[in-house]
N, C-alpha and C. Protein backbone atom coordinates (compact mmCIF):
# COMPACT_ATOMS: atom_id res chain seq x y z
N MET A 1 17.12 51.26 1.39
CA MET A 1 17.14 49.97 2.60
C MET A 1 16.73 49.98 3.47
N SER A 2 15.57 48.92 3.94
CA SER A 2 14.64 48.98 4.74
C SER A 2 15.02 47.82 5.80
N THR A 3 14.72 48.02 6.61
CA THR A 3 14.87 47.32 8.02
C THR A 3 13.52 46.52 8.55
N THR A 4 13.80 45.58 8.78
CA THR A 4 12.48 44.69 9.58
C THR A 4 12.37 44.55 10.97
N THR A 5 11.51 44.96 11.72
CA THR A 5 11.78 44.48 12.88
C THR A 5 11.05 43.53 13.57
N LEU A 6 11.43 42.49 14.34
CA LEU A 6 10.95 41.41 14.64
C LEU A 6 10.19 41.62 16.13
N LYS A 7 8.93 41.59 16.53
CA LYS A 7 8.66 41.47 17.84
C LYS A 7 9.23 40.64 18.81
N ALA A 8 9.30 40.58 19.84
CA ALA A 8 10.01 40.25 20.93
C ALA A 8 9.07 39.43 21.73
N ARG A 9 9.24 38.05 21.36
CA ARG A 9 8.24 37.24 22.54
C ARG A 9 8.33 37.16 24.00
N ARG A 10 7.38 36.65 24.38
CA ARG A 10 7.19 37.11 26.20
C ARG A 10 8.01 35.75 26.34
N PRO A 11 8.91 35.70 27.46
CA PRO A 11 9.84 34.51 28.04
C PRO A 11 8.90 33.62 28.51
N GLY A 12 7.44 33.78 28.68
CA GLY A 12 7.10 32.43 29.41
C GLY A 12 5.78 31.95 28.43
N ARG A 13 5.80 32.40 27.38
CA ARG A 13 4.80 31.59 26.72
C ARG A 13 5.15 31.32 25.02
N HIS A 14 4.97 30.39 25.28
CA HIS A 14 5.28 29.30 23.84
C HIS A 14 4.08 28.60 23.25
N PRO A 15 3.91 28.33 21.75
CA PRO A 15 2.82 27.70 20.97
C PRO A 15 3.05 26.36 21.36
N VAL A 16 1.40 26.76 21.59
CA VAL A 16 0.80 25.19 21.99
C VAL A 16 0.69 23.93 20.86
N PRO A 17 1.25 23.21 20.86
CA PRO A 17 1.07 22.22 19.67
C PRO A 17 0.03 21.77 19.49
N ALA A 18 -0.53 21.55 18.37
CA ALA A 18 -1.86 20.65 18.21
C ALA A 18 -1.84 18.75 18.62
N ARG A 19 -2.37 18.63 19.14
CA ARG A 19 -2.73 17.08 19.91
C ARG A 19 -3.23 16.57 18.57
N ALA A 20 -2.11 15.70 18.22
CA ALA A 20 -2.77 14.49 16.99
C ALA A 20 -3.46 13.61 18.21
N HIS A 21 -4.65 12.69 16.83
CA HIS A 21 -5.35 11.93 17.95
C HIS A 21 -4.55 10.71 18.09
N PRO A 22 -4.68 9.85 18.61
CA PRO A 22 -3.88 8.70 19.26
C PRO A 22 -4.89 7.48 18.30
N VAL A 23 -4.00 6.79 17.97
CA VAL A 23 -4.47 5.58 16.96
C VAL A 23 -4.77 4.58 17.70
N ARG A 24 -5.61 3.84 17.91
CA ARG A 24 -5.93 2.99 18.17
C ARG A 24 -5.34 1.50 18.10
N VAL A 25 -5.09 1.02 19.38
CA VAL A 25 -3.91 0.06 18.80
C VAL A 25 -4.69 -1.23 18.14
N TRP A 26 -5.69 -1.70 18.47
CA TRP A 26 -6.79 -3.07 17.76
C TRP A 26 -6.73 -2.07 16.61
N TRP A 27 -7.06 -0.85 15.87
CA TRP A 27 -6.76 -0.71 14.54
C TRP A 27 -5.48 -1.15 13.71
N ARG A 28 -4.31 -0.87 14.60
CA ARG A 28 -3.20 -1.57 13.69
C ARG A 28 -2.54 -2.49 14.09
N ASP A 29 -3.21 -3.25 14.73
CA ASP A 29 -3.42 -4.84 15.05
C ASP A 29 -4.27 -5.70 13.89
N ALA A 30 -5.37 -4.96 13.39
CA ALA A 30 -5.94 -5.30 12.46
C ALA A 30 -5.53 -5.04 10.70
N SER A 31 -5.12 -3.88 11.17
CA SER A 31 -4.50 -3.77 9.85
C SER A 31 -3.64 -4.69 9.49
N GLY A 32 -2.48 -5.36 10.55
CA GLY A 32 -1.31 -5.95 10.32
C GLY A 32 -2.18 -7.23 9.80
N LEU A 33 -2.84 -7.64 10.67
CA LEU A 33 -3.73 -8.76 10.84
C LEU A 33 -3.73 -8.69 8.98
N THR A 34 -4.66 -8.10 8.41
CA THR A 34 -4.88 -8.05 6.89
C THR A 34 -3.97 -8.14 6.04
N ALA A 35 -2.69 -7.52 6.11
CA ALA A 35 -2.16 -7.53 5.19
C ALA A 35 -1.12 -9.00 5.32
N TRP A 36 -0.98 -9.47 6.44
CA TRP A 36 -0.44 -10.88 6.64
C TRP A 36 -1.39 -12.42 6.10
N LEU A 37 -2.35 -11.92 6.71
CA LEU A 37 -3.56 -12.55 5.48
C LEU A 37 -3.76 -12.58 4.58
N SER A 38 -3.70 -11.18 3.53
CA SER A 38 -3.78 -11.31 1.97
C SER A 38 -2.62 -12.00 1.40
N LEU A 39 -1.42 -11.97 2.19
CA LEU A 39 -0.36 -12.52 1.80
C LEU A 39 -0.19 -14.04 1.69
N LEU A 40 -0.90 -14.41 2.73
CA LEU A 40 -1.04 -16.04 2.95
C LEU A 40 -2.20 -16.23 2.40
N PHE A 41 -2.89 -15.66 1.75
CA PHE A 41 -4.06 -16.05 0.88
C PHE A 41 -3.12 -16.00 -1.01
N VAL A 42 -2.45 -15.06 -0.92
CA VAL A 42 -1.66 -15.14 -2.45
C VAL A 42 -0.66 -16.27 -2.66
N VAL A 43 -0.40 -17.11 -1.34
CA VAL A 43 1.06 -17.64 -1.65
C VAL A 43 0.22 -18.87 -1.92
N ALA A 44 -1.10 -19.49 -0.98
CA ALA A 44 -2.09 -20.10 -1.24
C ALA A 44 -2.24 -20.64 -2.78
N LEU A 45 -2.80 -19.29 -3.37
CA LEU A 45 -3.61 -19.44 -4.62
C LEU A 45 -1.97 -19.98 -5.29
N TRP A 46 -0.61 -19.07 -5.02
CA TRP A 46 0.13 -19.87 -5.73
C TRP A 46 1.04 -21.28 -5.64
N VAL A 47 0.13 -21.82 -4.52
CA VAL A 47 0.68 -23.30 -4.53
C VAL A 47 -0.62 -24.01 -4.82
N ALA A 48 -1.44 -23.46 -5.30
CA ALA A 48 -3.15 -24.34 -5.92
C ALA A 48 -2.53 -24.09 -7.08
N GLY A 49 -2.13 -23.02 -8.13
CA GLY A 49 -1.40 -23.06 -9.05
C GLY A 49 -0.62 -23.99 -9.69
N ARG A 50 -0.03 -24.61 -9.29
CA ARG A 50 1.34 -25.82 -8.93
C ARG A 50 2.43 -24.76 -9.05
N GLY A 51 2.62 -24.00 -8.35
CA GLY A 51 3.62 -23.04 -8.16
C GLY A 51 4.97 -23.82 -7.51
N LEU A 52 4.27 -24.74 -6.86
CA LEU A 52 6.04 -25.75 -5.91
C LEU A 52 6.25 -26.66 -6.95
N GLN A 53 5.54 -27.20 -7.93
CA GLN A 53 5.62 -28.15 -8.72
C GLN A 53 6.87 -27.54 -10.11
N ASN A 54 6.60 -26.40 -9.74
CA ASN A 54 7.55 -25.46 -11.38
C ASN A 54 8.54 -25.39 -10.51
N LEU A 55 9.27 -25.65 -9.35
CA LEU A 55 10.71 -25.21 -9.17
C LEU A 55 11.56 -26.31 -9.77
N GLY A 56 10.92 -27.34 -9.93
CA GLY A 56 11.90 -28.71 -10.23
C GLY A 56 12.61 -27.96 -11.59
N SER A 57 12.50 -27.13 -12.23
CA SER A 57 13.95 -27.25 -13.26
C SER A 57 14.27 -25.42 -13.13
N VAL A 58 15.41 -25.17 -13.86
CA VAL A 58 15.86 -23.78 -13.87
C VAL A 58 15.17 -22.22 -13.99
N SER A 59 14.08 -23.21 -15.48
CA SER A 59 13.32 -21.78 -16.16
C SER A 59 11.99 -22.05 -15.28
N GLY A 60 11.55 -22.98 -14.77
CA GLY A 60 10.67 -23.10 -13.91
C GLY A 60 10.40 -22.31 -12.75
N PHE A 61 11.59 -22.69 -12.35
CA PHE A 61 12.05 -22.32 -10.97
C PHE A 61 11.74 -20.49 -10.72
N LEU A 62 12.78 -19.64 -11.91
CA LEU A 62 12.83 -18.11 -12.38
C LEU A 62 11.45 -17.80 -12.24
N THR A 63 10.40 -18.89 -13.49
CA THR A 63 9.22 -18.09 -13.59
C THR A 63 8.37 -18.43 -12.51
N SER A 64 8.27 -19.40 -11.69
CA SER A 64 7.65 -19.43 -10.46
C SER A 64 7.88 -18.63 -9.61
N ALA A 65 8.91 -18.62 -9.13
CA ALA A 65 9.86 -17.41 -8.10
C ALA A 65 9.11 -16.00 -8.73
N GLY A 66 9.46 -15.98 -9.28
CA GLY A 66 9.03 -13.90 -10.13
C GLY A 66 7.53 -14.23 -10.41
N ARG A 67 6.58 -15.01 -10.16
CA ARG A 67 5.28 -14.71 -10.38
C ARG A 67 4.75 -14.89 -8.78
N LEU A 68 5.52 -15.32 -7.82
CA LEU A 68 4.93 -15.11 -6.48
C LEU A 68 5.94 -14.13 -5.95
N ALA A 69 6.84 -13.67 -6.22
CA ALA A 69 7.15 -12.39 -5.61
C ALA A 69 6.40 -11.13 -6.52
N GLY A 70 5.93 -11.17 -7.57
CA GLY A 70 5.56 -10.59 -8.06
C GLY A 70 4.01 -9.86 -7.20
N CYS A 71 3.40 -11.26 -7.37
CA CYS A 71 2.14 -11.38 -6.70
C CYS A 71 2.10 -10.92 -5.25
N CYS A 72 3.17 -11.36 -4.65
CA CYS A 72 3.44 -10.22 -3.30
C CYS A 72 3.69 -8.97 -3.40
N ARG A 73 4.46 -8.42 -3.85
CA ARG A 73 4.74 -6.88 -4.27
C ARG A 73 3.58 -6.34 -4.50
N ARG A 74 2.94 -6.93 -5.48
CA ARG A 74 1.72 -6.19 -6.03
C ARG A 74 0.78 -6.47 -4.47
N THR A 75 0.55 -7.25 -3.53
CA THR A 75 -0.34 -6.89 -2.61
C THR A 75 -0.12 -6.41 -1.45
N CYS A 76 1.19 -6.14 -1.38
CA CYS A 76 2.51 -5.48 -0.61
C CYS A 76 1.62 -3.83 -0.84
N SER A 77 1.68 -3.59 -2.34
CA SER A 77 1.53 -1.91 -2.50
C SER A 77 0.44 -1.84 -2.63
N CYS A 78 -0.54 -2.73 -2.60
CA CYS A 78 -1.75 -1.96 -2.79
C CYS A 78 -2.55 -2.14 -1.19
N SER A 79 -1.74 -2.74 0.05
CA SER A 79 -2.23 -2.24 1.11
C SER A 79 -1.35 -1.59 1.76
N ASN A 80 -0.37 -1.39 1.26
CA ASN A 80 1.05 -0.32 2.02
C ASN A 80 1.78 -1.15 2.81
N CYS A 81 1.77 -1.90 2.94
CA CYS A 81 2.45 -2.88 4.20
C CYS A 81 4.29 -3.02 3.54
N CYS A 82 4.59 -3.03 2.91
CA CYS A 82 6.08 -3.25 2.65
C CYS A 82 6.25 -1.98 1.65
C-alpha cells in the first residue's frame, strides 16, 4: 500500500486566474444586427415568392409556413443566433 502526501498551500497564495479579453460592445451589436437583417432578408424573399398568397388554403398554409420556418431555421443555424 502506498501513501500520497499533498503539499500544503501557503495561506496567502491563490492561483491567479487568466483574464479573458473583453468583447467589445460594438461587435455584439454588429453580430445581432447582422442576424436580424438576414432574417428580414429571408422573410422578404418568402413574401416575394408569393408566400403570403399561399396562406389561403390549409395545404398552402402548411407548405408556405413550413418553407418560411425552414428557411428561418437554416439562417439561424448558419449564423448561430437561435
